[in-house]
Amino acid sequence: MIDWILVILSLFVLVIIFIHRWFLLEKTQLFGKMVFKKGFNTPKKLSKEDHEITPKEMIPDSSSIDPKLKLKGENLFKKAELELKRGNFDEAEKLYIQSMAMDPSNVETYSKLGAIYLNQSQFGKAELIYRKLVVAVSNDPIYFSNLGLSLFHQEKYQEAKDFYEKSIELDNSRAGRFYSLARINHLLDDYDEAFRNIEKSLELDPDNLDYGLTLANWQLEKNLNKEAEDILNNILKHWPENRDAQEMLKQMREGTEDITKQI
């Protein structure tokens, strides 16, 4: 009698297992048909509009943020400002990020966070911040310049060049932007543009020692010895003890003497 009960129980368990597996199979097939019908198996061909990033997608409009969240974001921003003034960059960064989470529409939060990343040489993070800013605020030359700087330090020279040119297009009064662009031109072997831009930087800031030494060095590279000598002599008039200028003049004159001896 007990044997028959065991047999019946075993059959009952097998039937339950069979029904369960059948249900799973049917469910899987049904889901597969749904996926196929919805097109998940076929990649969507993106249009040009799908790739474009609008300011609203990057930094939302202020009117779309809940007033309570904006208030919380403002309070966190004020705390971050205090920490920044105290030089506590790590704490300021955390508070700016928290403020941004509450109110992602505050452009000033992105700007301060980007400046911290530049200060800490976190150029990849700075790039992400300034990419958002140049889309949201398309007429601020500082954002374009800082994005160019972020890209320059990551050796993304062509992109950096484009953004420096845009910053100069918006405001051509800063000598440093022309100097930075000249350095990029030089790295890209575009020497005509390099000379043009560094000469523009010296025109705007004629007493800048770094600009003068860099131009003289580039002139020596191109065997423009007379032009380089004039600049170096002018530098030594203002900075008689400058060793860089002294050494460059010495090497240039020694090279000239060697050539004379060979002749």
Protein backbone atom coordinates (compact mmCIF):
# COMPACT_ATOMS: atom_id res chain seq x y z
CA MET A 1 0.00 0.00 0.00
CA ILE A 2 2.81 2.38 0.96
CA ASP A 3 4.60 1.56 -2.32
CA TRP A 4 1.56 2.62 -4.34
CA ILE A 5 1.30 5.89 -2.42
CA LEU A 6 4.98 6.64 -3.16
CA VAL A 7 4.46 5.89 -6.85
CA ILE A 8 1.43 8.19 -7.02
CA LEU A 9 3.31 11.00 -5.22
CA SER A 10 6.27 10.63 -7.61
CA LEU A 11 3.98 10.86 -10.63
CA PHE A 12 2.28 13.90 -9.13
CA VAL A 13 5.66 15.67 -8.64
CA LEU A 14 6.70 14.85 -12.24
CA VAL A 15 3.43 16.31 -13.57
CA ILE A 16 3.99 19.54 -11.59
CA ILE A 17 7.57 19.83 -12.92
CA PHE A 18 6.37 19.26 -16.49
CA ILE A 19 3.62 21.88 -16.18
CA HIS A 20 6.08 24.40 -14.64
CA ARG A 21 8.62 23.92 -17.45
CA TRP A 22 5.92 24.16 -20.11
CA PHE A 23 4.72 27.45 -18.60
CA LEU A 24 8.24 28.87 -18.57
CA LEU A 25 8.78 27.85 -22.20
CA GLU A 26 5.53 29.46 -23.30
CA LYS A 27 6.36 32.62 -21.34
CA THR A 28 9.80 32.85 -22.94
CA GLN A 29 8.39 32.38 -26.45
CA LEU A 30 5.69 34.95 -25.78
CA PHE A 31 8.28 37.47 -24.49
CA GLY A 32 10.45 36.79 -27.53
CA LYS A 33 7.52 37.60 -29.84
CA MET A 34 6.83 40.79 -27.90
CA VAL A 35 10.48 41.86 -28.17
CA PHE A 36 10.49 41.20 -31.91
CA LYS A 37 7.27 43.11 -32.42
CA LYS A 38 8.54 46.10 -30.42
CA GLY A 39 11.70 46.19 -32.48
CA PHE A 40 14.25 45.62 -29.68
CA ASN A 41 16.11 43.12 -31.87
CA THR A 42 16.49 45.68 -34.64
CA PRO A 43 18.81 48.63 -33.94
CA LYS A 44 17.15 51.99 -34.34
CA LYS A 45 18.67 54.20 -37.00
CA LEU A 46 19.32 57.53 -35.30
CA SER A 47 18.59 60.73 -37.13
CA LYS A 48 20.76 63.83 -36.96
CA GLU A 49 18.34 65.33 -34.44
CA ASP A 50 18.88 62.36 -32.10
CA HIS A 51 22.59 63.23 -31.85
CA GLU A 52 22.12 66.93 -31.17
CA ILE A 53 22.40 68.10 -27.58
CA THR A 54 20.27 71.05 -26.62
CA PRO A 55 20.91 73.37 -23.66
CA LYS A 56 17.77 72.04 -22.01
CA GLU A 57 19.16 68.48 -22.09
CA MET A 58 22.52 69.56 -20.70
CA ILE A 59 21.55 72.15 -18.09
CA PRO A 60 17.79 72.33 -17.47
CA ASP A 61 15.83 75.54 -17.38
CA SER A 62 15.42 77.07 -13.93
CA SER A 63 11.62 77.08 -14.24
CA SER A 64 11.58 73.27 -14.44
CA ILE A 65 13.07 72.85 -10.94
CA ASP A 66 10.91 72.47 -7.85
CA PRO A 67 11.21 75.66 -5.70
CA LYS A 68 11.93 73.61 -2.56
CA LEU A 69 14.77 71.80 -4.29
CA LYS A 70 16.11 75.13 -5.60
CA LEU A 71 16.18 76.49 -2.05
CA LYS A 72 18.07 73.44 -0.81
CA GLY A 73 20.49 73.79 -3.71
CA GLU A 74 21.02 77.47 -2.91
CA ASN A 75 21.83 76.70 0.74
CA LEU A 76 24.32 74.02 -0.27
CA PHE A 77 25.86 76.43 -2.79
CA LYS A 78 26.41 79.03 -0.04
CA LYS A 79 28.10 76.42 2.15
CA ALA A 80 30.30 75.41 -0.77
CA GLU A 81 31.30 79.06 -1.31
CA LEU A 82 32.43 79.32 2.32
CA GLU A 83 34.53 76.16 2.03
CA LEU A 84 36.05 77.44 -1.21
CA LYS A 85 37.08 80.72 0.46
CA ARG A 86 38.72 78.69 3.24
CA GLY A 87 40.67 76.71 0.65
CA ASN A 88 38.89 73.43 1.44
CA PHE A 89 38.57 72.36 -2.19
CA ASP A 90 37.53 68.75 -1.51
CA GLU A 91 34.71 69.79 0.81
CA ALA A 92 33.65 72.57 -1.57
CA GLU A 93 33.54 70.07 -4.44
CA LYS A 94 31.25 67.72 -2.47
CA LEU A 95 28.89 70.57 -1.58
CA TYR A 96 28.76 71.90 -5.14
CA ILE A 97 27.89 68.41 -6.39
CA GLN A 98 25.14 68.10 -3.76
CA SER A 99 23.86 71.55 -4.73
CA MET A 100 23.84 70.51 -8.39
CA ALA A 101 21.83 67.40 -7.52
CA MET A 102 19.16 69.60 -5.88
CA ASP A 103 19.19 72.30 -8.55
CA PRO A 104 20.89 71.23 -11.82
CA SER A 105 19.85 74.51 -13.47
CA ASN A 106 22.31 76.74 -11.58
CA VAL A 107 25.02 77.61 -14.13
CA GLU A 108 27.20 79.18 -11.44
CA THR A 109 27.48 75.81 -9.68
CA TYR A 110 28.92 74.22 -12.82
CA SER A 111 31.29 77.16 -13.26
CA LYS A 112 32.68 76.89 -9.72
CA LEU A 113 32.98 73.11 -9.97
CA GLY A 114 34.83 73.40 -13.29
CA ALA A 115 37.27 75.89 -11.75
CA ILE A 116 37.98 73.46 -8.89
CA TYR A 117 38.70 70.64 -11.34
CA LEU A 118 41.11 72.85 -13.28
CA ASN A 119 42.81 73.87 -10.03
CA GLN A 120 43.19 70.20 -9.06
CA SER A 121 44.39 69.20 -12.57
CA GLN A 122 41.36 66.93 -13.00
CA PHE A 123 41.14 67.85 -16.65
CA GLY A 124 38.79 65.06 -17.74
CA LYS A 125 36.17 66.16 -15.19
CA ALA A 126 36.74 69.81 -16.09
CA GLU A 127 36.14 68.98 -19.75
CA LEU A 128 32.75 67.42 -18.98
CA ILE A 129 31.67 70.46 -16.98
CA TYR A 130 32.79 73.03 -19.55
CA ARG A 131 31.24 71.09 -22.43
CA LYS A 132 27.91 71.57 -20.69
CA LEU A 133 28.60 75.23 -20.05
CA VAL A 134 29.54 76.14 -23.63
CA VAL A 135 26.28 74.62 -24.82
CA ALA A 136 24.17 76.36 -22.18
CA VAL A 137 26.01 79.70 -22.31
CA SER A 138 27.27 80.09 -25.85
CA ASN A 139 28.52 83.68 -25.52
CA ASP A 140 30.97 83.38 -22.60
CA PRO A 141 34.60 83.34 -23.82
CA ILE A 142 35.91 82.13 -20.44
CA TYR A 143 34.00 78.85 -20.72
CA PHE A 144 35.39 78.23 -24.21
CA SER A 145 38.90 79.13 -23.08
CA ASN A 146 38.70 76.84 -20.03
CA LEU A 147 37.38 74.00 -22.17
CA GLY A 148 40.33 74.57 -24.50
CA LEU A 149 42.68 74.41 -21.51
CA SER A 150 41.09 71.16 -20.27
CA LEU A 151 41.51 69.59 -23.71
CA PHE A 152 45.07 70.90 -24.11
CA HIS A 153 46.21 69.12 -20.94
CA GLN A 154 44.70 65.89 -22.28
CA GLU A 155 46.64 66.35 -25.54
CA LYS A 156 43.43 66.81 -27.53
CA TYR A 157 45.12 69.58 -29.45
CA GLN A 158 42.82 69.95 -32.46
CA GLU A 159 39.71 70.29 -30.30
CA ALA A 160 41.55 72.62 -27.92
CA LYS A 161 42.51 74.80 -30.90
CA ASP A 162 38.87 75.06 -32.02
CA PHE A 163 37.66 76.18 -28.60
CA TYR A 164 40.48 78.70 -28.09
CA GLU A 165 39.66 80.19 -31.48
CA LYS A 166 36.02 80.49 -30.41
CA SER A 167 37.01 82.20 -27.15
CA ILE A 168 39.13 84.71 -29.10
CA GLU A 169 36.28 85.28 -31.53
CA LEU A 170 34.12 86.27 -28.55
CA ASP A 171 36.83 88.34 -26.83
CA ASN A 172 40.21 89.12 -28.43
CA SER A 173 41.54 91.31 -25.60
CA ARG A 174 43.31 88.57 -23.58
CA ALA A 175 46.97 87.99 -24.42
CA GLY A 176 46.95 84.61 -22.67
CA ARG A 177 44.43 83.17 -25.10
CA PHE A 178 46.60 84.05 -28.08
CA TYR A 179 49.64 82.56 -26.32
CA SER A 180 47.79 79.32 -25.52
CA LEU A 181 46.54 79.09 -29.10
CA ALA A 182 50.09 79.75 -30.39
CA ARG A 183 51.44 76.84 -28.31
CA ILE A 184 48.78 74.55 -29.78
CA ASN A 185 49.58 75.77 -33.32
CA HIS A 186 53.24 74.96 -32.67
CA LEU A 187 52.40 71.45 -31.44
CA LEU A 188 50.28 70.93 -34.56
CA ASP A 189 53.22 72.08 -36.74
CA ASP A 190 51.25 75.09 -37.95
CA TYR A 191 54.18 77.47 -37.56
CA ASP A 192 52.76 80.44 -39.47
CA GLU A 193 49.76 80.56 -37.14
CA ALA A 194 51.99 79.92 -34.12
CA PHE A 195 54.13 82.98 -34.92
CA ARG A 196 51.11 85.10 -35.74
CA ASN A 197 49.37 84.31 -32.47
CA ILE A 198 52.39 84.63 -30.20
CA GLU A 199 53.25 87.97 -31.79
CA LYS A 200 49.66 89.03 -31.07
CA SER A 201 50.08 87.97 -27.44
CA LEU A 202 53.25 90.12 -27.20
CA GLU A 203 51.43 93.00 -28.82
CA LEU A 204 48.82 92.84 -26.06
CA ASP A 205 51.35 92.18 -23.28
CA PRO A 206 54.80 93.36 -24.47
CA ASP A 207 56.48 92.98 -21.07
CA ASN A 208 55.62 89.30 -20.65
CA LEU A 209 58.89 87.39 -20.21
CA ASP A 210 57.45 83.96 -21.05
CA TYR A 211 55.99 85.16 -24.33
CA GLY A 212 59.28 86.74 -25.39
CA LEU A 213 61.42 83.72 -24.49
CA THR A 214 59.03 81.35 -26.26
CA LEU A 215 59.03 83.44 -29.43
CA ALA A 216 62.83 83.69 -29.40
CA ASN A 217 63.11 79.94 -28.96
CA TRP A 218 60.80 79.28 -31.90
CA GLN A 219 62.74 81.74 -34.03
CA LEU A 220 65.96 79.90 -33.24
CA GLU A 221 64.29 76.64 -34.26
CA LYS A 222 63.60 78.23 -37.66
CA ASN A 223 67.11 79.78 -37.89
CA LEU A 224 65.70 83.29 -37.55
CA ASN A 225 68.76 84.25 -35.54
CA LYS A 226 68.66 88.02 -36.05
CA GLU A 227 65.03 88.26 -34.95
CA ALA A 228 65.71 86.03 -31.93
CA GLU A 229 68.78 88.07 -30.95
CA ASP A 230 66.77 91.30 -31.01
CA ILE A 231 64.14 89.83 -28.70
CA LEU A 232 66.71 88.33 -26.30
CA ASN A 233 68.65 91.60 -26.09
CA ASN A 234 65.40 93.42 -25.35
CA ILE A 235 64.61 90.89 -22.60
CA LEU A 236 68.04 91.42 -21.02
CA LYS A 237 67.47 95.17 -20.97
CA HIS A 238 64.48 94.61 -18.70
CA TRP A 239 65.75 91.49 -16.90
CA PRO A 240 69.60 91.66 -17.01
CA GLU A 241 69.98 88.58 -14.81
CA ASN A 242 67.68 86.33 -16.79
CA ARG A 243 69.60 83.10 -17.28
CA ASP A 244 67.35 81.68 -19.98
CA ALA A 245 67.94 84.66 -22.26
CA GLN A 246 71.67 84.65 -21.46
CA GLU A 247 72.00 80.95 -22.24
CA MET A 248 70.05 81.22 -25.51
CA LEU A 249 72.23 84.12 -26.67
CA LYS A 250 75.38 82.24 -25.69
CA GLN A 251 74.35 79.09 -27.61
CA MET A 252 73.33 81.14 -30.62
CA ARG A 253 76.66 83.02 -30.71
CA GLU A 254 78.68 79.86 -30.18
CA GLY A 255 76.83 78.25 -33.06
CA THR A 256 77.61 81.24 -35.27
CA GLU A 257 81.31 81.09 -34.31
CA ASP A 258 81.44 77.37 -35.17
CA ILE A 259 79.96 78.06 -38.59
CA THR A 260 82.49 80.89 -39.17
CA LYS A 261 85.40 78.61 -38.24
CA GLN A 262 84.20 75.95 -40.70
CA ILE A 263 84.04 78.52 -43.49
